[in-house]
Amino acid sequence: MPQRARAGRTPWDEGVRAVRSGAVVCYPTDTLWGLGADPSRPDALRLLAEIKERPAGMPVSVAFSSLEELEPWVLLSPRDRGLLRTYLPGPYTFLLRASPQARRRWAPAVLGPGGRLGIRVPDHPGARAFLAATGPLTSTSANRHGDPPVRDVNEARSTFGSRVSAYVAAPPEPRGEPSTVVDLVAPSPRAVRRV
């Protein structure tokens, strides 16, 4: 019997175990390589900030495997729901108001001013499969604060070493451009910046 069938393993088992233990992982998205941690664990988010050498108080976006998975975590108007269905999965980070559940269960480090939450559903089948196995994960570019994002998993390993507990490689490679941030809390949707 082949080992994969016998063990029931997936290419991202190590990453799933790392996330569940409160560690930080590196995974591909449609845009860039990202660093992921469990948004409900303040210890994991502190470690993520240390690894990135990121200033305190900068919120971190959260990635989901599907639109259905993200709905309980944000407050959606009919307009918002229509926009998300049009553009996700895709290379966008949408700013929405966090739901009461997100405010209760997730660490403050993922919430921005006024309880805003940055959300993504990457257009990357490997990333979405990984996220389906882990649940929501932070989605921040794999780089030290102020440095350019890493270009591939080997550069990620060279940059972060063992401080990142697992490197999840799944094709295709990210396209190398940051996501476009769109503020849906504003009265009219507006592009804020690329991150």
N, C-alpha and C. Protein backbone atom coordinates (compact mmCIF):
# COMPACT_ATOMS: atom_id res chain seq x y z
N MET A 1 0.86 -1.18 0.00
CA MET A 1 0.00 0.00 0.00
C MET A 1 0.90 1.24 0.00
N PRO A 2 0.63 2.26 -0.83
CA PRO A 2 1.46 3.47 -0.85
C PRO A 2 1.40 4.18 0.49
N GLN A 3 2.53 4.80 0.85
CA GLN A 3 2.60 5.48 2.15
C GLN A 3 1.57 6.58 2.28
N ARG A 4 1.33 7.37 1.22
CA ARG A 4 0.36 8.46 1.31
C ARG A 4 -1.01 7.92 1.70
N ALA A 5 -1.44 6.83 1.05
CA ALA A 5 -2.75 6.27 1.36
C ALA A 5 -2.77 5.70 2.77
N ARG A 6 -1.70 4.99 3.16
CA ARG A 6 -1.65 4.39 4.48
C ARG A 6 -1.66 5.44 5.57
N ALA A 7 -0.87 6.47 5.43
CA ALA A 7 -0.76 7.47 6.48
C ALA A 7 -1.86 8.52 6.39
N GLY A 8 -2.54 8.63 5.22
CA GLY A 8 -3.57 9.64 5.07
C GLY A 8 -3.01 11.06 5.13
N ARG A 9 -1.81 11.23 4.67
CA ARG A 9 -1.11 12.51 4.80
C ARG A 9 -1.42 13.44 3.64
N THR A 10 -1.27 14.74 3.89
CA THR A 10 -1.38 15.75 2.85
C THR A 10 -0.06 16.51 2.80
N PRO A 11 0.19 17.27 1.73
CA PRO A 11 1.46 18.01 1.64
C PRO A 11 1.61 19.06 2.74
N TRP A 12 0.53 19.42 3.42
CA TRP A 12 0.64 20.50 4.41
C TRP A 12 0.39 20.04 5.84
N ASP A 13 0.51 18.72 6.11
CA ASP A 13 0.31 18.24 7.47
C ASP A 13 1.22 18.95 8.48
N GLU A 14 2.49 19.13 8.11
CA GLU A 14 3.43 19.79 9.02
C GLU A 14 2.97 21.21 9.32
N GLY A 15 2.48 21.92 8.31
CA GLY A 15 1.99 23.27 8.51
C GLY A 15 0.78 23.32 9.41
N VAL A 16 -0.13 22.37 9.24
CA VAL A 16 -1.33 22.32 10.09
C VAL A 16 -0.92 22.09 11.54
N ARG A 17 -0.01 21.14 11.78
CA ARG A 17 0.46 20.88 13.15
C ARG A 17 1.12 22.13 13.74
N ALA A 18 1.91 22.83 12.93
CA ALA A 18 2.59 24.03 13.42
C ALA A 18 1.59 25.10 13.82
N VAL A 19 0.59 25.34 12.99
CA VAL A 19 -0.43 26.35 13.32
C VAL A 19 -1.14 25.98 14.61
N ARG A 20 -1.50 24.73 14.75
CA ARG A 20 -2.23 24.29 15.96
C ARG A 20 -1.39 24.41 17.21
N SER A 21 -0.07 24.40 17.06
CA SER A 21 0.81 24.53 18.23
C SER A 21 1.12 25.99 18.56
N GLY A 22 0.60 26.92 17.75
CA GLY A 22 0.86 28.34 18.00
C GLY A 22 2.07 28.89 17.28
N ALA A 23 2.57 28.14 16.30
CA ALA A 23 3.75 28.57 15.55
C ALA A 23 3.34 29.40 14.34
N VAL A 24 4.36 29.92 13.65
CA VAL A 24 4.17 30.70 12.43
C VAL A 24 4.60 29.84 11.25
N VAL A 25 3.83 29.91 10.15
CA VAL A 25 4.12 29.16 8.95
C VAL A 25 4.24 30.12 7.77
N CYS A 26 4.89 29.65 6.73
CA CYS A 26 4.99 30.40 5.48
C CYS A 26 4.23 29.61 4.42
N TYR A 27 3.36 30.31 3.67
CA TYR A 27 2.54 29.63 2.67
C TYR A 27 2.34 30.54 1.46
N PRO A 28 2.11 29.94 0.28
CA PRO A 28 1.91 30.75 -0.93
C PRO A 28 0.48 31.25 -1.03
N THR A 29 0.31 32.42 -1.63
CA THR A 29 -1.02 32.90 -2.01
C THR A 29 -0.96 33.25 -3.49
N ASP A 30 -2.03 33.80 -4.00
CA ASP A 30 -2.03 34.22 -5.39
C ASP A 30 -1.15 35.43 -5.62
N THR A 31 -0.91 36.22 -4.57
CA THR A 31 -0.16 37.46 -4.71
C THR A 31 1.29 37.31 -4.28
N LEU A 32 1.52 36.99 -3.02
CA LEU A 32 2.87 36.88 -2.45
C LEU A 32 2.94 35.67 -1.53
N TRP A 33 4.16 35.31 -1.14
CA TRP A 33 4.32 34.36 -0.05
C TRP A 33 3.88 35.06 1.23
N GLY A 34 3.16 34.35 2.08
CA GLY A 34 2.63 34.95 3.30
C GLY A 34 3.11 34.24 4.53
N LEU A 35 3.00 34.94 5.65
CA LEU A 35 3.26 34.35 6.97
C LEU A 35 1.92 34.18 7.66
N GLY A 36 1.68 32.99 8.15
CA GLY A 36 0.40 32.68 8.76
C GLY A 36 0.53 32.26 10.21
N ALA A 37 -0.45 32.67 10.99
CA ALA A 37 -0.56 32.27 12.39
C ALA A 37 -2.04 32.25 12.74
N ASP A 38 -2.38 31.54 13.78
CA ASP A 38 -3.76 31.44 14.25
C ASP A 38 -4.20 32.79 14.82
N PRO A 39 -5.21 33.44 14.23
CA PRO A 39 -5.60 34.78 14.69
C PRO A 39 -6.21 34.80 16.09
N SER A 40 -6.53 33.63 16.64
CA SER A 40 -7.10 33.59 17.98
C SER A 40 -6.03 33.50 19.07
N ARG A 41 -4.76 33.39 18.67
CA ARG A 41 -3.68 33.18 19.65
C ARG A 41 -2.78 34.40 19.75
N PRO A 42 -2.93 35.18 20.81
CA PRO A 42 -2.05 36.34 20.98
C PRO A 42 -0.58 35.98 20.97
N ASP A 43 -0.21 34.81 21.53
CA ASP A 43 1.20 34.40 21.55
C ASP A 43 1.71 34.19 20.12
N ALA A 44 0.89 33.61 19.25
CA ALA A 44 1.30 33.39 17.87
C ALA A 44 1.44 34.72 17.13
N LEU A 45 0.56 35.67 17.42
CA LEU A 45 0.65 36.97 16.76
C LEU A 45 1.84 37.78 17.26
N ARG A 46 2.19 37.63 18.53
CA ARG A 46 3.41 38.29 19.05
C ARG A 46 4.64 37.71 18.34
N LEU A 47 4.67 36.38 18.20
CA LEU A 47 5.79 35.73 17.51
C LEU A 47 5.86 36.21 16.06
N LEU A 48 4.72 36.31 15.39
CA LEU A 48 4.68 36.80 14.01
C LEU A 48 5.26 38.21 13.92
N ALA A 49 4.88 39.09 14.83
CA ALA A 49 5.41 40.46 14.83
C ALA A 49 6.91 40.47 15.07
N GLU A 50 7.39 39.59 15.96
CA GLU A 50 8.84 39.51 16.21
C GLU A 50 9.58 39.03 14.97
N ILE A 51 9.05 38.00 14.31
CA ILE A 51 9.71 37.45 13.13
C ILE A 51 9.79 38.50 12.02
N LYS A 52 8.72 39.25 11.84
CA LYS A 52 8.69 40.28 10.80
C LYS A 52 9.39 41.57 11.23
N GLU A 53 9.71 41.67 12.54
CA GLU A 53 10.28 42.91 13.10
C GLU A 53 9.33 44.07 12.79
N ARG A 54 8.06 43.80 13.01
CA ARG A 54 6.98 44.72 12.66
C ARG A 54 6.63 45.58 13.86
N PRO A 55 6.44 46.89 13.67
CA PRO A 55 6.06 47.76 14.79
C PRO A 55 4.72 47.34 15.40
N ALA A 56 4.58 47.52 16.69
CA ALA A 56 3.34 47.20 17.38
C ALA A 56 2.21 48.08 16.85
N GLY A 57 1.01 47.54 16.90
CA GLY A 57 -0.16 48.32 16.53
C GLY A 57 -0.55 48.27 15.07
N MET A 58 0.22 47.55 14.25
CA MET A 58 -0.15 47.41 12.82
C MET A 58 -1.02 46.16 12.69
N PRO A 59 -2.29 46.31 12.29
CA PRO A 59 -3.14 45.13 12.19
C PRO A 59 -2.69 44.19 11.07
N VAL A 60 -3.09 42.94 11.19
CA VAL A 60 -2.72 41.90 10.24
C VAL A 60 -4.01 41.35 9.60
N SER A 61 -4.00 41.22 8.30
CA SER A 61 -5.16 40.66 7.59
C SER A 61 -5.30 39.17 7.89
N VAL A 62 -6.49 38.65 7.57
CA VAL A 62 -6.78 37.24 7.79
C VAL A 62 -7.25 36.64 6.47
N ALA A 63 -6.73 35.46 6.15
CA ALA A 63 -7.11 34.74 4.93
C ALA A 63 -8.03 33.59 5.28
N PHE A 64 -8.95 33.33 4.35
CA PHE A 64 -9.95 32.28 4.51
C PHE A 64 -9.93 31.38 3.28
N SER A 65 -10.47 30.17 3.45
CA SER A 65 -10.52 29.22 2.33
C SER A 65 -11.68 29.51 1.39
N SER A 66 -12.70 30.22 1.88
CA SER A 66 -13.90 30.45 1.05
C SER A 66 -14.68 31.64 1.59
N LEU A 67 -15.61 32.12 0.77
CA LEU A 67 -16.51 33.19 1.22
C LEU A 67 -17.39 32.71 2.36
N GLU A 68 -17.82 31.46 2.30
CA GLU A 68 -18.68 30.92 3.36
C GLU A 68 -17.95 30.90 4.69
N GLU A 69 -16.66 30.58 4.67
CA GLU A 69 -15.90 30.54 5.91
C GLU A 69 -15.74 31.92 6.53
N LEU A 70 -15.63 32.97 5.71
CA LEU A 70 -15.37 34.29 6.27
C LEU A 70 -16.62 34.98 6.80
N GLU A 71 -17.81 34.59 6.33
CA GLU A 71 -19.03 35.33 6.68
C GLU A 71 -19.27 35.50 8.18
N PRO A 72 -19.03 34.51 9.04
CA PRO A 72 -19.29 34.73 10.47
C PRO A 72 -18.35 35.74 11.13
N TRP A 73 -17.27 36.10 10.47
CA TRP A 73 -16.23 36.93 11.10
C TRP A 73 -16.34 38.41 10.76
N VAL A 74 -17.21 38.77 9.82
CA VAL A 74 -17.35 40.17 9.41
C VAL A 74 -18.83 40.53 9.29
N LEU A 75 -19.11 41.83 9.36
CA LEU A 75 -20.46 42.33 9.15
C LEU A 75 -20.59 42.72 7.68
N LEU A 76 -21.53 42.11 6.99
CA LEU A 76 -21.67 42.31 5.55
C LEU A 76 -23.02 42.92 5.22
N SER A 77 -22.98 43.99 4.47
CA SER A 77 -24.21 44.52 3.88
C SER A 77 -24.47 43.77 2.58
N PRO A 78 -25.67 43.90 2.01
CA PRO A 78 -25.89 43.28 0.69
C PRO A 78 -24.88 43.77 -0.35
N ARG A 79 -24.53 45.06 -0.31
CA ARG A 79 -23.52 45.59 -1.25
C ARG A 79 -22.19 44.88 -1.05
N ASP A 80 -21.76 44.75 0.22
CA ASP A 80 -20.48 44.10 0.52
C ASP A 80 -20.48 42.66 0.02
N ARG A 81 -21.56 41.95 0.30
CA ARG A 81 -21.64 40.55 -0.10
C ARG A 81 -21.52 40.43 -1.62
N GLY A 82 -22.19 41.31 -2.35
CA GLY A 82 -22.12 41.29 -3.81
C GLY A 82 -20.71 41.55 -4.31
N LEU A 83 -20.01 42.52 -3.70
CA LEU A 83 -18.63 42.82 -4.11
C LEU A 83 -17.70 41.65 -3.82
N LEU A 84 -17.85 41.04 -2.66
CA LEU A 84 -16.99 39.90 -2.32
C LEU A 84 -17.23 38.74 -3.29
N ARG A 85 -18.48 38.50 -3.64
CA ARG A 85 -18.77 37.41 -4.58
C ARG A 85 -18.22 37.69 -5.97
N THR A 86 -18.12 38.97 -6.32
CA THR A 86 -17.58 39.34 -7.62
C THR A 86 -16.06 39.21 -7.67
N TYR A 87 -15.38 39.61 -6.59
CA TYR A 87 -13.91 39.75 -6.63
C TYR A 87 -13.13 38.68 -5.87
N LEU A 88 -13.80 37.84 -5.09
CA LEU A 88 -13.09 36.79 -4.36
C LEU A 88 -13.55 35.43 -4.84
N PRO A 89 -12.63 34.47 -4.91
CA PRO A 89 -11.20 34.58 -4.64
C PRO A 89 -10.53 35.54 -5.63
N GLY A 90 -9.49 36.21 -5.12
CA GLY A 90 -8.77 37.14 -5.96
C GLY A 90 -7.74 37.93 -5.20
N PRO A 91 -7.00 38.80 -5.91
CA PRO A 91 -5.86 39.52 -5.33
C PRO A 91 -6.27 40.79 -4.56
N TYR A 92 -7.28 40.65 -3.70
CA TYR A 92 -7.80 41.80 -2.96
C TYR A 92 -7.81 41.51 -1.47
N THR A 93 -7.58 42.57 -0.69
CA THR A 93 -7.80 42.55 0.74
C THR A 93 -8.92 43.56 0.99
N PHE A 94 -10.03 43.09 1.53
CA PHE A 94 -11.16 43.98 1.81
C PHE A 94 -11.19 44.31 3.29
N LEU A 95 -11.37 45.60 3.59
CA LEU A 95 -11.54 46.05 4.97
C LEU A 95 -13.02 46.11 5.28
N LEU A 96 -13.41 45.37 6.31
CA LEU A 96 -14.80 45.30 6.75
C LEU A 96 -14.85 45.42 8.27
N ARG A 97 -16.03 45.65 8.80
CA ARG A 97 -16.17 45.67 10.26
C ARG A 97 -16.16 44.23 10.78
N ALA A 98 -15.38 44.00 11.83
CA ALA A 98 -15.33 42.68 12.45
C ALA A 98 -16.66 42.39 13.13
N SER A 99 -17.07 41.14 13.08
CA SER A 99 -18.30 40.72 13.76
C SER A 99 -18.05 40.64 15.27
N PRO A 100 -19.11 40.60 16.08
CA PRO A 100 -18.91 40.39 17.52
C PRO A 100 -18.12 39.12 17.81
N GLN A 101 -18.34 38.06 17.03
CA GLN A 101 -17.58 36.81 17.22
C GLN A 101 -16.09 37.05 17.02
N ALA A 102 -15.71 37.78 15.97
CA ALA A 102 -14.29 38.06 15.72
C ALA A 102 -13.71 38.89 16.85
N ARG A 103 -14.45 39.87 17.33
CA ARG A 103 -13.95 40.71 18.43
C ARG A 103 -13.74 39.91 19.71
N ARG A 104 -14.60 38.92 19.93
CA ARG A 104 -14.48 38.10 21.14
C ARG A 104 -13.36 37.09 21.03
N ARG A 105 -13.22 36.45 19.86
CA ARG A 105 -12.36 35.28 19.76
C ARG A 105 -10.97 35.54 19.22
N TRP A 106 -10.79 36.64 18.49
CA TRP A 106 -9.50 36.87 17.87
C TRP A 106 -8.69 37.89 18.64
N ALA A 107 -7.38 37.74 18.55
CA ALA A 107 -6.46 38.63 19.25
C ALA A 107 -6.59 40.06 18.70
N PRO A 108 -6.41 41.06 19.55
CA PRO A 108 -6.53 42.45 19.10
C PRO A 108 -5.60 42.80 17.94
N ALA A 109 -4.50 42.08 17.77
CA ALA A 109 -3.54 42.40 16.72
C ALA A 109 -4.10 42.26 15.31
N VAL A 110 -5.24 41.58 15.14
CA VAL A 110 -5.81 41.47 13.79
C VAL A 110 -6.82 42.57 13.50
N LEU A 111 -7.20 43.32 14.52
CA LEU A 111 -8.21 44.36 14.33
C LEU A 111 -7.56 45.72 14.14
N GLY A 112 -8.06 46.44 13.17
CA GLY A 112 -7.57 47.79 12.89
C GLY A 112 -8.44 48.83 13.56
N PRO A 113 -8.22 50.09 13.25
CA PRO A 113 -9.00 51.19 13.84
C PRO A 113 -10.50 50.98 13.62
N GLY A 114 -11.27 51.24 14.66
CA GLY A 114 -12.72 51.11 14.56
C GLY A 114 -13.19 49.67 14.41
N GLY A 115 -12.36 48.70 14.77
CA GLY A 115 -12.76 47.30 14.66
C GLY A 115 -12.76 46.78 13.24
N ARG A 116 -11.96 47.38 12.38
CA ARG A 116 -11.87 46.91 11.00
C ARG A 116 -11.04 45.63 10.94
N LEU A 117 -11.42 44.80 9.97
CA LEU A 117 -10.72 43.54 9.76
C LEU A 117 -10.41 43.43 8.28
N GLY A 118 -9.14 43.18 7.96
CA GLY A 118 -8.74 42.93 6.57
C GLY A 118 -8.92 41.46 6.26
N ILE A 119 -9.66 41.16 5.19
CA ILE A 119 -9.93 39.77 4.85
C ILE A 119 -9.50 39.47 3.42
N ARG A 120 -9.07 38.20 3.21
CA ARG A 120 -8.66 37.72 1.89
C ARG A 120 -9.20 36.33 1.65
N VAL A 121 -9.48 36.02 0.40
CA VAL A 121 -9.67 34.65 -0.06
C VAL A 121 -8.77 34.53 -1.28
N PRO A 122 -7.59 33.95 -1.13
CA PRO A 122 -6.63 33.93 -2.25
C PRO A 122 -7.12 33.07 -3.41
N ASP A 123 -6.80 33.52 -4.61
CA ASP A 123 -7.11 32.75 -5.81
C ASP A 123 -5.94 31.80 -6.08
N HIS A 124 -5.76 30.89 -5.14
CA HIS A 124 -4.65 29.93 -5.18
C HIS A 124 -5.18 28.63 -4.59
N PRO A 125 -5.35 27.58 -5.42
CA PRO A 125 -5.97 26.36 -4.91
C PRO A 125 -5.21 25.71 -3.75
N GLY A 126 -3.87 25.75 -3.80
CA GLY A 126 -3.09 25.17 -2.71
C GLY A 126 -3.29 25.94 -1.41
N ALA A 127 -3.30 27.27 -1.49
CA ALA A 127 -3.51 28.08 -0.30
C ALA A 127 -4.89 27.82 0.28
N ARG A 128 -5.92 27.75 -0.57
CA ARG A 128 -7.27 27.52 -0.06
C ARG A 128 -7.41 26.13 0.56
N ALA A 129 -6.75 25.13 -0.01
CA ALA A 129 -6.78 23.79 0.58
C ALA A 129 -6.09 23.81 1.95
N PHE A 130 -4.96 24.50 2.03
CA PHE A 130 -4.25 24.62 3.31
C PHE A 130 -5.12 25.34 4.34
N LEU A 131 -5.75 26.45 3.93
CA LEU A 131 -6.62 27.21 4.83
C LEU A 131 -7.84 26.40 5.25
N ALA A 132 -8.34 25.55 4.37
CA ALA A 132 -9.46 24.68 4.75
C ALA A 132 -9.04 23.72 5.85
N ALA A 133 -7.77 23.32 5.85
CA ALA A 133 -7.27 22.40 6.88
C ALA A 133 -6.95 23.11 8.19
N THR A 134 -6.48 24.36 8.11
CA THR A 134 -6.08 25.08 9.33
C THR A 134 -7.18 25.93 9.92
N GLY A 135 -8.11 26.38 9.09
CA GLY A 135 -9.03 27.44 9.48
C GLY A 135 -8.37 28.77 9.16
N PRO A 136 -9.03 29.89 9.47
CA PRO A 136 -8.47 31.20 9.12
C PRO A 136 -7.06 31.39 9.65
N LEU A 137 -6.23 32.05 8.82
CA LEU A 137 -4.84 32.34 9.19
C LEU A 137 -4.53 33.80 8.87
N THR A 138 -3.58 34.35 9.60
CA THR A 138 -3.12 35.67 9.21
C THR A 138 -2.55 35.62 7.81
N SER A 139 -2.61 36.75 7.14
CA SER A 139 -2.09 36.85 5.78
C SER A 139 -1.30 38.14 5.68
N THR A 140 -0.01 38.02 5.93
CA THR A 140 0.88 39.16 5.83
C THR A 140 2.08 38.74 5.00
N SER A 141 2.61 39.64 4.22
CA SER A 141 3.69 39.26 3.31
C SER A 141 4.89 38.71 4.06
N ALA A 142 5.55 37.74 3.44
CA ALA A 142 6.73 37.09 4.04
C ALA A 142 7.95 37.97 3.78
N ASN A 143 8.22 38.83 4.73
CA ASN A 143 9.39 39.71 4.68
C ASN A 143 9.57 40.33 6.06
N ARG A 144 10.78 40.84 6.28
CA ARG A 144 10.98 41.68 7.47
C ARG A 144 10.44 43.05 7.15
N HIS A 145 9.90 43.72 8.15
CA HIS A 145 9.27 45.02 7.94
C HIS A 145 10.22 45.96 7.20
N GLY A 146 9.73 46.53 6.10
CA GLY A 146 10.53 47.47 5.31
C GLY A 146 11.33 46.82 4.20
N ASP A 147 11.48 45.50 4.22
CA ASP A 147 12.21 44.79 3.16
C ASP A 147 11.22 44.32 2.09
N PRO A 148 11.71 44.06 0.87
CA PRO A 148 10.82 43.52 -0.15
C PRO A 148 10.35 42.11 0.23
N PRO A 149 9.18 41.71 -0.22
CA PRO A 149 8.71 40.35 0.05
C PRO A 149 9.64 39.32 -0.59
N VAL A 150 9.71 38.14 0.03
CA VAL A 150 10.52 37.06 -0.54
C VAL A 150 9.91 36.63 -1.86
N ARG A 151 10.75 36.10 -2.75
CA ARG A 151 10.29 35.72 -4.09
C ARG A 151 9.91 34.24 -4.20
N ASP A 152 10.45 33.41 -3.31
CA ASP A 152 10.13 31.99 -3.39
C ASP A 152 10.39 31.35 -2.02
N VAL A 153 10.05 30.07 -1.92
CA VAL A 153 10.14 29.40 -0.63
C VAL A 153 11.60 29.28 -0.17
N ASN A 154 12.54 29.15 -1.09
CA ASN A 154 13.95 29.07 -0.69
C ASN A 154 14.42 30.39 -0.07
N GLU A 155 14.00 31.51 -0.66
CA GLU A 155 14.36 32.80 -0.07
C GLU A 155 13.68 32.98 1.28
N ALA A 156 12.47 32.46 1.42
CA ALA A 156 11.79 32.52 2.71
C ALA A 156 12.57 31.75 3.76
N ARG A 157 13.02 30.54 3.41
CA ARG A 157 13.81 29.73 4.36
C ARG A 157 15.10 30.45 4.73
N SER A 158 15.73 31.06 3.75
CA SER A 158 16.97 31.77 4.00
C SER A 158 16.74 32.98 4.90
N THR A 159 15.62 33.66 4.74
CA THR A 159 15.31 34.86 5.52
C THR A 159 14.92 34.53 6.95
N PHE A 160 14.05 33.53 7.12
CA PHE A 160 13.46 33.28 8.44
C PHE A 160 14.00 32.06 9.16
N GLY A 161 14.58 31.10 8.43
CA GLY A 161 15.15 29.92 9.05
C GLY A 161 14.15 29.18 9.92
N SER A 162 14.61 28.73 11.08
CA SER A 162 13.77 27.93 11.98
C SER A 162 12.79 28.77 12.79
N ARG A 163 12.86 30.09 12.68
CA ARG A 163 11.86 30.92 13.39
C ARG A 163 10.47 30.68 12.81
N VAL A 164 10.40 30.33 11.53
CA VAL A 164 9.15 29.90 10.92
C VAL A 164 9.16 28.38 10.99
N SER A 165 8.10 27.79 11.55
CA SER A 165 8.11 26.36 11.86
C SER A 165 7.84 25.45 10.67
N ALA A 166 7.12 25.95 9.66
CA ALA A 166 6.82 25.12 8.50
C ALA A 166 6.72 26.00 7.26
N TYR A 167 7.21 25.45 6.16
CA TYR A 167 7.15 26.11 4.85
C TYR A 167 6.27 25.25 3.96
N VAL A 168 5.11 25.75 3.63
CA VAL A 168 4.14 25.00 2.85
C VAL A 168 4.29 25.39 1.38
N ALA A 169 4.80 24.48 0.59
CA ALA A 169 5.00 24.75 -0.84
C ALA A 169 3.90 24.04 -1.62
N ALA A 170 3.15 24.83 -2.38
CA ALA A 170 2.09 24.27 -3.23
C ALA A 170 2.00 25.12 -4.48
N PRO A 171 2.00 24.50 -5.66
CA PRO A 171 1.92 25.29 -6.88
C PRO A 171 0.54 25.94 -7.01
N PRO A 172 0.44 26.99 -7.79
CA PRO A 172 1.49 27.69 -8.52
C PRO A 172 2.23 28.69 -7.65
N GLU A 173 3.33 29.21 -8.16
CA GLU A 173 4.06 30.26 -7.46
C GLU A 173 3.22 31.53 -7.40
N PRO A 174 3.32 32.29 -6.33
CA PRO A 174 2.64 33.60 -6.28
C PRO A 174 3.10 34.49 -7.43
N ARG A 175 2.24 35.40 -7.86
CA ARG A 175 2.57 36.25 -9.01
C ARG A 175 3.56 37.35 -8.67
N GLY A 176 3.76 37.63 -7.37
CA GLY A 176 4.79 38.58 -6.96
C GLY A 176 4.34 40.01 -6.81
N GLU A 177 3.04 40.26 -6.90
CA GLU A 177 2.50 41.60 -6.70
C GLU A 177 1.59 41.59 -5.48
N PRO A 178 1.61 42.66 -4.68
CA PRO A 178 0.77 42.69 -3.48
C PRO A 178 -0.72 42.80 -3.82
N SER A 179 -1.54 42.48 -2.84
CA SER A 179 -2.99 42.62 -3.03
C SER A 179 -3.39 44.09 -3.00
N THR A 180 -4.51 44.39 -3.60
CA THR A 180 -5.10 45.72 -3.55
C THR A 180 -6.04 45.77 -2.36
N VAL A 181 -5.86 46.77 -1.49
CA VAL A 181 -6.70 46.92 -0.31
C VAL A 181 -7.88 47.82 -0.66
N VAL A 182 -9.08 47.33 -0.40
CA VAL A 182 -10.31 48.08 -0.69
C VAL A 182 -11.09 48.24 0.61
N ASP A 183 -11.35 49.49 0.98
CA ASP A 183 -12.08 49.81 2.20
C ASP A 183 -13.58 49.76 1.92
N LEU A 184 -14.27 48.79 2.53
CA LEU A 184 -15.71 48.69 2.38
C LEU A 184 -16.45 49.27 3.59
N VAL A 185 -15.70 49.78 4.57
CA VAL A 185 -16.34 50.45 5.71
C VAL A 185 -16.73 51.87 5.30
N ALA A 186 -15.99 52.44 4.39
CA ALA A 186 -16.29 53.79 3.89
C ALA A 186 -17.65 53.77 3.19
N PRO A 187 -18.30 54.95 3.10
CA PRO A 187 -19.62 55.00 2.44
C PRO A 187 -19.59 54.46 1.01
N SER A 188 -18.53 54.72 0.29
CA SER A 188 -18.34 54.16 -1.05
C SER A 188 -17.06 53.36 -1.06
N PRO A 189 -17.03 52.18 -1.70
CA PRO A 189 -15.80 51.40 -1.74
C PRO A 189 -14.66 52.22 -2.32
N ARG A 190 -13.49 52.13 -1.68
CA ARG A 190 -12.35 52.87 -2.21
C ARG A 190 -11.08 52.07 -2.01
N ALA A 191 -10.24 52.11 -3.03
CA ALA A 191 -8.93 51.46 -2.93
C ALA A 191 -8.07 52.28 -2.00
N VAL A 192 -7.47 51.64 -1.02
CA VAL A 192 -6.66 52.33 -0.04
C VAL A 192 -5.20 52.29 -0.45
N ARG A 193 -4.69 51.08 -0.71
CA ARG A 193 -3.29 50.92 -1.08
C ARG A 193 -3.06 49.48 -1.46
N ARG A 194 -1.86 49.21 -1.91
CA ARG A 194 -1.46 47.83 -2.18
C ARG A 194 -0.55 47.38 -1.06
N VAL A 195 -0.83 46.17 -0.52
CA VAL A 195 0.01 45.61 0.54
C VAL A 195 0.45 44.20 0.20
